[in-house]
Amino acid sequence: YKKCKRENKKVPTKIKNIVKEIYNPFTDNQISKEISRMLKDEDITADVDVVFQSIENLHKACPNHLGDWYFSGDYPTPGGNKIVNKAFMNYYDGLKIRAY
């Protein structure tokens, strides 16, 4: 949170996506399992698995498309990094408002 606040004070072209650091310690499989756990309603007795395409395989499937930012966090514009940092700060602060 504090890193996001500091980062967003920089000039837009220097802002980095700090939120990506949250996911660095986890494998793709661990993230998928946690999302599955979060999305499974307590009334559901069946197993629920949410499986995501890896970024590497996404690039293989769509070799001429650069729009992986939604999944990779590699935003194509400096403004995207500022917005994702702000969205995390809003979440942390309990604010249900858009970051832009």
PDB file of N, CA and C in Angstrom:
ATOM      1  N   TYR A   1       0.828  -1.194   0.000  1.00  0.00           N
ATOM      2  CA  TYR A   1       0.000   0.000   0.000  1.00  0.00           C
ATOM      3  C   TYR A   1       0.870   1.256   0.000  1.00  0.00           C
ATOM      4  N   LYS A   2       1.821   1.277   0.921  1.00  0.00           N
ATOM      5  CA  LYS A   2       2.703   2.447   1.005  1.00  0.00           C
ATOM      6  C   LYS A   2       3.557   2.590  -0.246  1.00  0.00           C
ATOM      7  N   LYS A   3       3.995   1.465  -0.803  1.00  0.00           N
ATOM      8  CA  LYS A   3       4.785   1.523  -2.040  1.00  0.00           C
ATOM      9  C   LYS A   3       3.949   2.075  -3.188  1.00  0.00           C
ATOM     10  N   CYS A   4       2.671   1.685  -3.252  1.00  0.00           N
ATOM     11  CA  CYS A   4       1.782   2.210  -4.296  1.00  0.00           C
ATOM     12  C   CYS A   4       1.627   3.717  -4.151  1.00  0.00           C
ATOM     13  N   LYS A   5       1.448   4.173  -2.934  1.00  0.00           N
ATOM     14  CA  LYS A   5       1.299   5.617  -2.698  1.00  0.00           C
ATOM     15  C   LYS A   5       2.543   6.374  -3.144  1.00  0.00           C
ATOM     16  N   ARG A   6       3.708   5.846  -2.776  1.00  0.00           N
ATOM     17  CA  ARG A   6       4.968   6.507  -3.175  1.00  0.00           C
ATOM     18  C   ARG A   6       5.132   6.478  -4.694  1.00  0.00           C
ATOM     19  N   GLU A   7       4.833   5.339  -5.284  1.00  0.00           N
ATOM     20  CA  GLU A   7       5.016   5.176  -6.727  1.00  0.00           C
ATOM     21  C   GLU A   7       4.138   6.146  -7.503  1.00  0.00           C
ATOM     22  N   ASN A   8       2.911   6.315  -7.070  1.00  0.00           N
ATOM     23  CA  ASN A   8       1.975   7.159  -7.804  1.00  0.00           C
ATOM     24  C   ASN A   8       2.270   8.646  -7.687  1.00  0.00           C
ATOM     25  N   LYS A   9       3.244   9.007  -6.876  1.00  0.00           N
ATOM     26  CA  LYS A   9       3.665  10.411  -6.795  1.00  0.00           C
ATOM     27  C   LYS A   9       4.706  10.745  -7.860  1.00  0.00           C
ATOM     28  N   LYS A  10       5.211   9.728  -8.534  1.00  0.00           N
ATOM     29  CA  LYS A  10       6.221   9.940  -9.580  1.00  0.00           C
ATOM     30  C   LYS A  10       5.560  10.487 -10.846  1.00  0.00           C
ATOM     31  N   VAL A  11       6.387  10.971 -11.753  1.00  0.00           N
ATOM     32  CA  VAL A  11       5.854  11.386 -13.055  1.00  0.00           C
ATOM     33  C   VAL A  11       5.309  10.141 -13.752  1.00  0.00           C
ATOM     34  N   PRO A  12       4.215  10.272 -14.499  1.00  0.00           N
ATOM     35  CA  PRO A  12       3.551   9.103 -15.079  1.00  0.00           C
ATOM     36  C   PRO A  12       4.457   8.138 -15.847  1.00  0.00           C
ATOM     37  N   THR A  13       5.422   8.643 -16.578  1.00  0.00           N
ATOM     38  CA  THR A  13       6.274   7.752 -17.372  1.00  0.00           C
ATOM     39  C   THR A  13       7.215   6.909 -16.517  1.00  0.00           C
ATOM     40  N   LYS A  14       7.354   7.221 -15.243  1.00  0.00           N
ATOM     41  CA  LYS A  14       8.251   6.484 -14.335  1.00  0.00           C
ATOM     42  C   LYS A  14       7.501   5.529 -13.402  1.00  0.00           C
ATOM     43  N   ILE A  15       6.159   5.583 -13.417  1.00  0.00           N
ATOM     44  CA  ILE A  15       5.365   4.766 -12.496  1.00  0.00           C
ATOM     45  C   ILE A  15       5.396   3.302 -12.917  1.00  0.00           C
ATOM     46  N   LYS A  16       5.643   2.432 -11.939  1.00  0.00           N
ATOM     47  CA  LYS A  16       5.646   0.985 -12.162  1.00  0.00           C
ATOM     48  C   LYS A  16       4.412   0.375 -11.510  1.00  0.00           C
ATOM     49  N   ASN A  17       4.023  -0.792 -12.003  1.00  0.00           N
ATOM     50  CA  ASN A  17       2.909  -1.541 -11.436  1.00  0.00           C
ATOM     51  C   ASN A  17       3.404  -2.263 -10.184  1.00  0.00           C
ATOM     52  N   ILE A  18       3.157  -1.688  -9.037  1.00  0.00           N
ATOM     53  CA  ILE A  18       3.589  -2.257  -7.761  1.00  0.00           C
ATOM     54  C   ILE A  18       2.734  -3.464  -7.379  1.00  0.00           C
ATOM     55  N   VAL A  19       1.494  -3.494  -7.812  1.00  0.00           N
ATOM     56  CA  VAL A  19       0.573  -4.576  -7.452  1.00  0.00           C
ATOM     57  C   VAL A  19       1.089  -5.932  -7.942  1.00  0.00           C
ATOM     58  N   LYS A  20       1.842  -5.938  -9.033  1.00  0.00           N
ATOM     59  CA  LYS A  20       2.399  -7.201  -9.536  1.00  0.00           C
ATOM     60  C   LYS A  20       3.242  -7.905  -8.478  1.00  0.00           C
ATOM     61  N   GLU A  21       3.866  -7.133  -7.592  1.00  0.00           N
ATOM     62  CA  GLU A  21       4.724  -7.720  -6.558  1.00  0.00           C
ATOM     63  C   GLU A  21       3.943  -8.624  -5.605  1.00  0.00           C
ATOM     64  N   ILE A  22       2.656  -8.352  -5.443  1.00  0.00           N
ATOM     65  CA  ILE A  22       1.819  -9.173  -4.563  1.00  0.00           C
ATOM     66  C   ILE A  22       1.773 -10.612  -5.066  1.00  0.00           C
ATOM     67  N   TYR A  23       1.758 -10.781  -6.384  1.00  0.00           N
ATOM     68  CA  TYR A  23       1.589 -12.102  -6.988  1.00  0.00           C
ATOM     69  C   TYR A  23       2.903 -12.841  -7.209  1.00  0.00           C
ATOM     70  N   ASN A  24       4.033 -12.146  -7.137  1.00  0.00           N
ATOM     71  CA  ASN A  24       5.330 -12.763  -7.440  1.00  0.00           C
ATOM     72  C   ASN A  24       5.647 -14.027  -6.647  1.00  0.00           C
ATOM     73  N   PRO A  25       5.306 -14.117  -5.360  1.00  0.00           N
ATOM     74  CA  PRO A  25       5.676 -15.323  -4.606  1.00  0.00           C
ATOM     75  C   PRO A  25       4.848 -16.563  -4.957  1.00  0.00           C
ATOM     76  N   PHE A  26       3.798 -16.401  -5.749  1.00  0.00           N
ATOM     77  CA  PHE A  26       2.871 -17.494  -6.012  1.00  0.00           C
ATOM     78  C   PHE A  26       2.994 -18.025  -7.434  1.00  0.00           C
ATOM     79  N   THR A  27       2.761 -19.321  -7.585  1.00  0.00           N
ATOM     80  CA  THR A  27       2.732 -19.925  -8.914  1.00  0.00           C
ATOM     81  C   THR A  27       1.370 -19.647  -9.543  1.00  0.00           C
ATOM     82  N   ASP A  28       1.291 -19.840 -10.858  1.00  0.00           N
ATOM     83  CA  ASP A  28       0.002 -19.691 -11.540  1.00  0.00           C
ATOM     84  C   ASP A  28      -1.024 -20.647 -10.941  1.00  0.00           C
ATOM     85  N   ASN A  29      -0.596 -21.861 -10.635  1.00  0.00           N
ATOM     86  CA  ASN A  29      -1.499 -22.867 -10.077  1.00  0.00           C
ATOM     87  C   ASN A  29      -2.019 -22.441  -8.699  1.00  0.00           C
ATOM     88  N   GLN A  30      -1.161 -21.891  -7.865  1.00  0.00           N
ATOM     89  CA  GLN A  30      -1.593 -21.428  -6.542  1.00  0.00           C
ATOM     90  C   GLN A  30      -2.619 -20.300  -6.661  1.00  0.00           C
ATOM     91  N   ILE A  31      -2.405 -19.415  -7.597  1.00  0.00           N
ATOM     92  CA  ILE A  31      -3.346 -18.306  -7.799  1.00  0.00           C
ATOM     93  C   ILE A  31      -4.685 -18.843  -8.281  1.00  0.00           C
ATOM     94  N   SER A  32      -4.666 -19.784  -9.224  1.00  0.00           N
ATOM     95  CA  SER A  32      -5.905 -20.386  -9.724  1.00  0.00           C
ATOM     96  C   SER A  32      -6.670 -21.077  -8.600  1.00  0.00           C
ATOM     97  N   LYS A  33      -5.960 -21.820  -7.752  1.00  0.00           N
ATOM     98  CA  LYS A  33      -6.616 -22.520  -6.638  1.00  0.00           C
ATOM     99  C   LYS A  33      -7.250 -21.534  -5.654  1.00  0.00           C
ATOM    100  N   GLU A  34      -6.569 -20.434  -5.381  1.00  0.00           N
ATOM    101  CA  GLU A  34      -7.118 -19.443  -4.456  1.00  0.00           C
ATOM    102  C   GLU A  34      -8.342 -18.762  -5.057  1.00  0.00           C
ATOM    103  N   ILE A  35      -8.308 -18.463  -6.337  1.00  0.00           N
ATOM    104  CA  ILE A  35      -9.476 -17.868  -6.994  1.00  0.00           C
ATOM    105  C   ILE A  35     -10.639 -18.843  -6.947  1.00  0.00           C
ATOM    106  N   SER A  36     -10.372 -20.122  -7.192  1.00  0.00           N
ATOM    107  CA  SER A  36     -11.418 -21.145  -7.107  1.00  0.00           C
ATOM    108  C   SER A  36     -12.032 -21.165  -5.710  1.00  0.00           C
ATOM    109  N   ARG A  37     -11.192 -21.132  -4.695  1.00  0.00           N
ATOM    110  CA  ARG A  37     -11.676 -21.149  -3.312  1.00  0.00           C
ATOM    111  C   ARG A  37     -12.547 -19.925  -3.030  1.00  0.00           C
ATOM    112  N   MET A  38     -12.114 -18.775  -3.508  1.00  0.00           N
ATOM    113  CA  MET A  38     -12.843 -17.537  -3.252  1.00  0.00           C
ATOM    114  C   MET A  38     -14.195 -17.506  -3.962  1.00  0.00           C
ATOM    115  N   LEU A  39     -14.272 -18.121  -5.142  1.00  0.00           N
ATOM    116  CA  LEU A  39     -15.494 -18.071  -5.940  1.00  0.00           C
ATOM    117  C   LEU A  39     -16.504 -19.156  -5.583  1.00  0.00           C
ATOM    118  N   LYS A  40     -16.068 -20.181  -4.873  1.00  0.00           N
ATOM    119  CA  LYS A  40     -16.962 -21.290  -4.544  1.00  0.00           C
ATOM    120  C   LYS A  40     -17.875 -20.892  -3.392  1.00  0.00           C
ATOM    121  N   ASP A  41     -19.155 -20.901  -3.656  1.00  0.00           N
ATOM    122  CA  ASP A  41     -20.152 -20.604  -2.639  1.00  0.00           C
ATOM    123  C   ASP A  41     -20.201 -21.758  -1.644  1.00  0.00           C
ATOM    124  N   GLU A  42     -20.479 -21.461  -0.399  1.00  0.00           N
ATOM    125  CA  GLU A  42     -20.484 -22.505   0.632  1.00  0.00           C
ATOM    126  C   GLU A  42     -21.564 -23.558   0.402  1.00  0.00           C
ATOM    127  N   ASP A  43     -22.587 -23.236  -0.392  1.00  0.00           N
ATOM    128  CA  ASP A  43     -23.651 -24.196  -0.687  1.00  0.00           C
ATOM    129  C   ASP A  43     -23.271 -25.182  -1.787  1.00  0.00           C
ATOM    130  N   ILE A  44     -22.188 -24.944  -2.475  1.00  0.00           N
ATOM    131  CA  ILE A  44     -21.757 -25.825  -3.566  1.00  0.00           C
ATOM    132  C   ILE A  44     -20.950 -26.973  -2.972  1.00  0.00           C
ATOM    133  N   THR A  45     -21.376 -28.197  -3.275  1.00  0.00           N
ATOM    134  CA  THR A  45     -20.664 -29.370  -2.757  1.00  0.00           C
ATOM    135  C   THR A  45     -19.691 -29.947  -3.777  1.00  0.00           C
ATOM    136  N   ALA A  46     -19.840 -29.566  -5.026  1.00  0.00           N
ATOM    137  CA  ALA A  46     -18.942 -30.062  -6.081  1.00  0.00           C
ATOM    138  C   ALA A  46     -17.591 -29.352  -5.997  1.00  0.00           C
ATOM    139  N   ASP A  47     -16.569 -30.006  -6.535  1.00  0.00           N
ATOM    140  CA  ASP A  47     -15.265 -29.357  -6.645  1.00  0.00           C
ATOM    141  C   ASP A  47     -15.351 -28.247  -7.688  1.00  0.00           C
ATOM    142  N   VAL A  48     -14.708 -27.144  -7.420  1.00  0.00           N
ATOM    143  CA  VAL A  48     -14.669 -26.026  -8.361  1.00  0.00           C
ATOM    144  C   VAL A  48     -13.208 -25.708  -8.643  1.00  0.00           C
ATOM    145  N   ASP A  49     -12.851 -25.749  -9.913  1.00  0.00           N
ATOM    146  CA  ASP A  49     -11.503 -25.388 -10.336  1.00  0.00           C
ATOM    147  C   ASP A  49     -11.599 -24.319 -11.409  1.00  0.00           C
ATOM    148  N   VAL A  50     -10.901 -23.231 -11.206  1.00  0.00           N
ATOM    149  CA  VAL A  50     -10.793 -22.179 -12.204  1.00  0.00           C
ATOM    150  C   VAL A  50      -9.386 -22.290 -12.770  1.00  0.00           C
ATOM    151  N   VAL A  51      -9.310 -22.489 -14.077  1.00  0.00           N
ATOM    152  CA  VAL A  51      -8.020 -22.698 -14.722  1.00  0.00           C
ATOM    153  C   VAL A  51      -7.778 -21.562 -15.708  1.00  0.00           C
ATOM    154  N   PHE A  52      -6.623 -20.952 -15.604  1.00  0.00           N
ATOM    155  CA  PHE A  52      -6.266 -19.855 -16.488  1.00  0.00           C
ATOM    156  C   PHE A  52      -5.161 -20.288 -17.440  1.00  0.00           C
ATOM    157  N   GLN A  53      -5.190 -19.746 -18.613  1.00  0.00           N
ATOM    158  CA  GLN A  53      -4.121 -19.942 -19.586  1.00  0.00           C
ATOM    159  C   GLN A  53      -2.862 -19.241 -19.065  1.00  0.00           C
ATOM    160  N   SER A  54      -1.714 -19.855 -19.225  1.00  0.00           N
ATOM    161  CA  SER A  54      -0.475 -19.170 -18.843  1.00  0.00           C
ATOM    162  C   SER A  54      -0.208 -18.040 -19.840  1.00  0.00           C
ATOM    163  N   ILE A  55       0.544 -17.052 -19.424  1.00  0.00           N
ATOM    164  CA  ILE A  55       0.885 -15.944 -20.320  1.00  0.00           C
ATOM    165  C   ILE A  55       1.662 -16.476 -21.517  1.00  0.00           C
ATOM    166  N   GLU A  56       2.572 -17.401 -21.261  1.00  0.00           N
ATOM    167  CA  GLU A  56       3.359 -17.993 -22.352  1.00  0.00           C
ATOM    168  C   GLU A  56       2.446 -18.661 -23.373  1.00  0.00           C
ATOM    169  N   ASN A  57       1.484 -19.442 -22.917  1.00  0.00           N
ATOM    170  CA  ASN A  57       0.572 -20.112 -23.845  1.00  0.00           C
ATOM    171  C   ASN A  57      -0.414 -19.139 -24.481  1.00  0.00           C
ATOM    172  N   LEU A  58      -0.757 -18.078 -23.771  1.00  0.00           N
ATOM    173  CA  LEU A  58      -1.598 -17.040 -24.363  1.00  0.00           C
ATOM    174  C   LEU A  58      -0.881 -16.411 -25.553  1.00  0.00           C
ATOM    175  N   HIS A  59       0.413 -16.159 -25.402  1.00  0.00           N
ATOM    176  CA  HIS A  59       1.198 -15.597 -26.504  1.00  0.00           C
ATOM    177  C   HIS A  59       1.294 -16.575 -27.669  1.00  0.00           C
ATOM    178  N   LYS A  60       1.381 -17.866 -27.381  1.00  0.00           N
ATOM    179  CA  LYS A  60       1.405 -18.875 -28.451  1.00  0.00           C
ATOM    180  C   LYS A  60       0.065 -18.921 -29.178  1.00  0.00           C
ATOM    181  N   ALA A  61      -1.023 -18.821 -28.417  1.00  0.00           N
ATOM    182  CA  ALA A  61      -2.357 -18.898 -29.011  1.00  0.00           C
ATOM    183  C   ALA A  61      -2.702 -17.646 -29.812  1.00  0.00           C
ATOM    184  N   CYS A  62      -2.176 -16.502 -29.397  1.00  0.00           N
ATOM    185  CA  CYS A  62      -2.467 -15.219 -30.050  1.00  0.00           C
ATOM    186  C   CYS A  62      -1.148 -14.506 -30.329  1.00  0.00           C
ATOM    187  N   PRO A  63      -0.352 -15.021 -31.267  1.00  0.00           N
ATOM    188  CA  PRO A  63       1.007 -14.499 -31.450  1.00  0.00           C
ATOM    189  C   PRO A  63       1.095 -13.051 -31.921  1.00  0.00           C
ATOM    190  N   ASN A  64       0.081 -12.553 -32.563  1.00  0.00           N
ATOM    191  CA  ASN A  64       0.147 -11.191 -33.094  1.00  0.00           C
ATOM    192  C   ASN A  64      -0.688 -10.200 -32.285  1.00  0.00           C
ATOM    193  N   HIS A  65      -1.031 -10.585 -31.074  1.00  0.00           N
ATOM    194  CA  HIS A  65      -1.860  -9.726 -30.230  1.00  0.00           C
ATOM    195  C   HIS A  65      -1.082  -9.357 -28.976  1.00  0.00           C
ATOM    196  N   LEU A  66      -0.937  -8.081 -28.723  1.00  0.00           N
ATOM    197  CA  LEU A  66      -0.143  -7.615 -27.587  1.00  0.00           C
ATOM    198  C   LEU A  66      -0.995  -7.280 -26.363  1.00  0.00           C
ATOM    199  N   GLY A  67      -2.280  -7.548 -26.420  1.00  0.00           N
ATOM    200  CA  GLY A  67      -3.177  -7.150 -25.334  1.00  0.00           C
ATOM    201  C   GLY A  67      -3.241  -8.118 -24.173  1.00  0.00           C
ATOM    202  N   ASP A  68      -2.102  -8.470 -23.622  1.00  0.00           N
ATOM    203  CA  ASP A  68      -2.104  -9.389 -22.479  1.00  0.00           C
ATOM    204  C   ASP A  68      -2.096  -8.662 -21.141  1.00  0.00           C
ATOM    205  N   TRP A  69      -2.145  -7.360 -21.160  1.00  0.00           N
ATOM    206  CA  TRP A  69      -1.992  -6.556 -19.950  1.00  0.00           C
ATOM    207  C   TRP A  69      -2.986  -6.923 -18.864  1.00  0.00           C
ATOM    208  N   TYR A  70      -4.185  -7.324 -19.244  1.00  0.00           N
ATOM    209  CA  TYR A  70      -5.205  -7.664 -18.252  1.00  0.00           C
ATOM    210  C   TYR A  70      -4.761  -8.852 -17.406  1.00  0.00           C
ATOM    211  N   PHE A  71      -3.977  -9.735 -18.008  1.00  0.00           N
ATOM    212  CA  PHE A  71      -3.525 -10.946 -17.327  1.00  0.00           C
ATOM    213  C   PHE A  71      -2.102 -10.822 -16.796  1.00  0.00           C
ATOM    214  N   SER A  72      -1.257 -10.093 -17.510  1.00  0.00           N
ATOM    215  CA  SER A  72       0.159 -10.005 -17.128  1.00  0.00           C
ATOM    216  C   SER A  72       0.454  -8.814 -16.216  1.00  0.00           C
ATOM    217  N   GLY A  73      -0.381  -7.785 -16.298  1.00  0.00           N
ATOM    218  CA  GLY A  73      -0.111  -6.562 -15.547  1.00  0.00           C
ATOM    219  C   GLY A  73       0.886  -5.660 -16.244  1.00  0.00           C
ATOM    220  N   ASP A  74       1.296  -6.046 -17.455  1.00  0.00           N
ATOM    221  CA  ASP A  74       2.229  -5.230 -18.240  1.00  0.00           C
ATOM    222  C   ASP A  74       1.414  -4.248 -19.077  1.00  0.00           C
ATOM    223  N   TYR A  75       1.039  -3.148 -18.456  1.00  0.00           N
ATOM    224  CA  TYR A  75       0.169  -2.186 -19.114  1.00  0.00           C
ATOM    225  C   TYR A  75       0.906  -1.457 -20.233  1.00  0.00           C
ATOM    226  N   PRO A  76       0.209  -1.207 -21.359  1.00  0.00           N
ATOM    227  CA  PRO A  76       0.861  -0.585 -22.513  1.00  0.00           C
ATOM    228  C   PRO A  76       1.091   0.913 -22.361  1.00  0.00           C
ATOM    229  N   THR A  77       0.480   1.522 -21.367  1.00  0.00           N
ATOM    230  CA  THR A  77       0.654   2.963 -21.163  1.00  0.00           C
ATOM    231  C   THR A  77       1.021   3.230 -19.703  1.00  0.00           C
ATOM    232  N   PRO A  78       1.739   4.305 -19.441  1.00  0.00           N
ATOM    233  CA  PRO A  78       2.078   4.644 -18.053  1.00  0.00           C
ATOM    234  C   PRO A  78       0.837   4.862 -17.183  1.00  0.00           C
ATOM    235  N   GLY A  79      -0.225   5.349 -17.793  1.00  0.00           N
ATOM    236  CA  GLY A  79      -1.454   5.581 -17.034  1.00  0.00           C
ATOM    237  C   GLY A  79      -2.040   4.310 -16.451  1.00  0.00           C
ATOM    238  N   GLY A  80      -1.856   3.186 -17.145  1.00  0.00           N
ATOM    239  CA  GLY A  80      -2.363   1.908 -16.644  1.00  0.00           C
ATOM    240  C   GLY A  80      -1.727   1.519 -15.328  1.00  0.00           C
ATOM    241  N   ASN A  81      -0.431   1.764 -15.209  1.00  0.00           N
ATOM    242  CA  ASN A  81       0.264   1.447 -13.962  1.00  0.00           C
ATOM    243  C   ASN A  81      -0.255   2.301 -12.807  1.00  0.00           C
ATOM    244  N   LYS A  82      -0.492   3.561 -13.076  1.00  0.00           N
ATOM    245  CA  LYS A  82      -1.010   4.449 -12.031  1.00  0.00           C
ATOM    246  C   LYS A  82      -2.402   4.000 -11.589  1.00  0.00           C
ATOM    247  N   ILE A  83      -3.227   3.598 -12.556  1.00  0.00           N
ATOM    248  CA  ILE A  83      -4.594   3.186 -12.240  1.00  0.00           C
ATOM    249  C   ILE A  83      -4.613   1.899 -11.423  1.00  0.00           C
ATOM    250  N   VAL A  84      -3.780   0.919 -11.785  1.00  0.00           N
ATOM    251  CA  VAL A  84      -3.789  -0.336 -11.024  1.00  0.00           C
ATOM    252  C   VAL A  84      -3.298  -0.099  -9.600  1.00  0.00           C
ATOM    253  N   ASN A  85      -2.312   0.757  -9.429  1.00  0.00           N
ATOM    254  CA  ASN A  85      -1.851   1.086  -8.079  1.00  0.00           C
ATOM    255  C   ASN A  85      -2.961   1.777  -7.285  1.00  0.00           C
ATOM    256  N   LYS A  86      -3.655   2.706  -7.929  1.00  0.00           N
ATOM    257  CA  LYS A  86      -4.747   3.431  -7.270  1.00  0.00           C
ATOM    258  C   LYS A  86      -5.902   2.489  -6.939  1.00  0.00           C
ATOM    259  N   ALA A  87      -6.204   1.558  -7.835  1.00  0.00           N
ATOM    260  CA  ALA A  87      -7.278   0.594  -7.577  1.00  0.00           C
ATOM    261  C   ALA A  87      -6.961  -0.242  -6.340  1.00  0.00           C
ATOM    262  N   PHE A  88      -5.701  -0.648  -6.194  1.00  0.00           N
ATOM    263  CA  PHE A  88      -5.307  -1.406  -5.008  1.00  0.00           C
ATOM    264  C   PHE A  88      -5.446  -0.552  -3.752  1.00  0.00           C
ATOM    265  N   MET A  89      -5.039   0.703  -3.829  1.00  0.00           N
ATOM    266  CA  MET A  89      -5.168   1.590  -2.669  1.00  0.00           C
ATOM    267  C   MET A  89      -6.641   1.774  -2.295  1.00  0.00           C
ATOM    268  N   ASN A  90      -7.500   1.930  -3.301  1.00  0.00           N
ATOM    269  CA  ASN A  90      -8.935   2.056  -3.030  1.00  0.00           C
ATOM    270  C   ASN A  90      -9.461   0.805  -2.329  1.00  0.00           C
ATOM    271  N   TYR A  91      -9.056  -0.366  -2.823  1.00  0.00           N
ATOM    272  CA  TYR A  91      -9.472  -1.633  -2.213  1.00  0.00           C
ATOM    273  C   TYR A  91      -8.995  -1.693  -0.761  1.00  0.00           C
ATOM    274  N   TYR A  92      -7.748  -1.377  -0.547  1.00  0.00           N
ATOM    275  CA  TYR A  92      -7.153  -1.414   0.792  1.00  0.00           C
ATOM    276  C   TYR A  92      -7.879  -0.460   1.744  1.00  0.00           C
ATOM    277  N   ASP A  93      -8.279   0.688   1.224  1.00  0.00           N
ATOM    278  CA  ASP A  93      -8.980   1.689   2.029  1.00  0.00           C
ATOM    279  C   ASP A  93     -10.478   1.400   2.166  1.00  0.00           C
ATOM    280  N   GLY A  94     -10.954   0.343   1.505  1.00  0.00           N
ATOM    281  CA  GLY A  94     -12.371  -0.001   1.576  1.00  0.00           C
ATOM    282  C   GLY A  94     -13.257   0.895   0.735  1.00  0.00           C
ATOM    283  N   LEU A  95     -12.667   1.574  -0.236  1.00  0.00           N
ATOM    284  CA  LEU A  95     -13.426   2.474  -1.106  1.00  0.00           C
ATOM    285  C   LEU A  95     -13.939   1.707  -2.317  1.00  0.00           C
ATOM    286  N   LYS A  96     -15.213   1.783  -2.559  1.00  0.00           N
ATOM    287  CA  LYS A  96     -15.800   1.097  -3.710  1.00  0.00           C
ATOM    288  C   LYS A  96     -16.017   2.107  -4.832  1.00  0.00           C
ATOM    289  N   ILE A  97     -14.904   2.674  -5.273  1.00  0.00           N
ATOM    290  CA  ILE A  97     -14.941   3.672  -6.340  1.00  0.00           C
ATOM    291  C   ILE A  97     -13.916   3.298  -7.404  1.00  0.00           C
ATOM    292  N   ARG A  98     -14.131   3.822  -8.594  1.00  0.00           N
ATOM    293  CA  ARG A  98     -13.191   3.573  -9.691  1.00  0.00           C
ATOM    294  C   ARG A  98     -11.881   4.306  -9.438  1.00  0.00           C
ATOM    295  N   ALA A  99     -10.833   3.749  -9.989  1.00  0.00           N
ATOM    296  CA  ALA A  99      -9.508   4.356  -9.837  1.00  0.00           C
ATOM    297  C   ALA A  99      -9.247   5.410 -10.900  1.00  0.00           C
ATOM    298  N   TYR A 100     -10.159   5.554 -11.837  1.00  0.00           N
ATOM    299  CA  TYR A 100      -9.982   6.537 -12.908  1.00  0.00           C
ATOM    300  C   TYR A 100     -11.228   7.360 -13.089  1.00  0.00           C
TER     301      TYR A 100
END
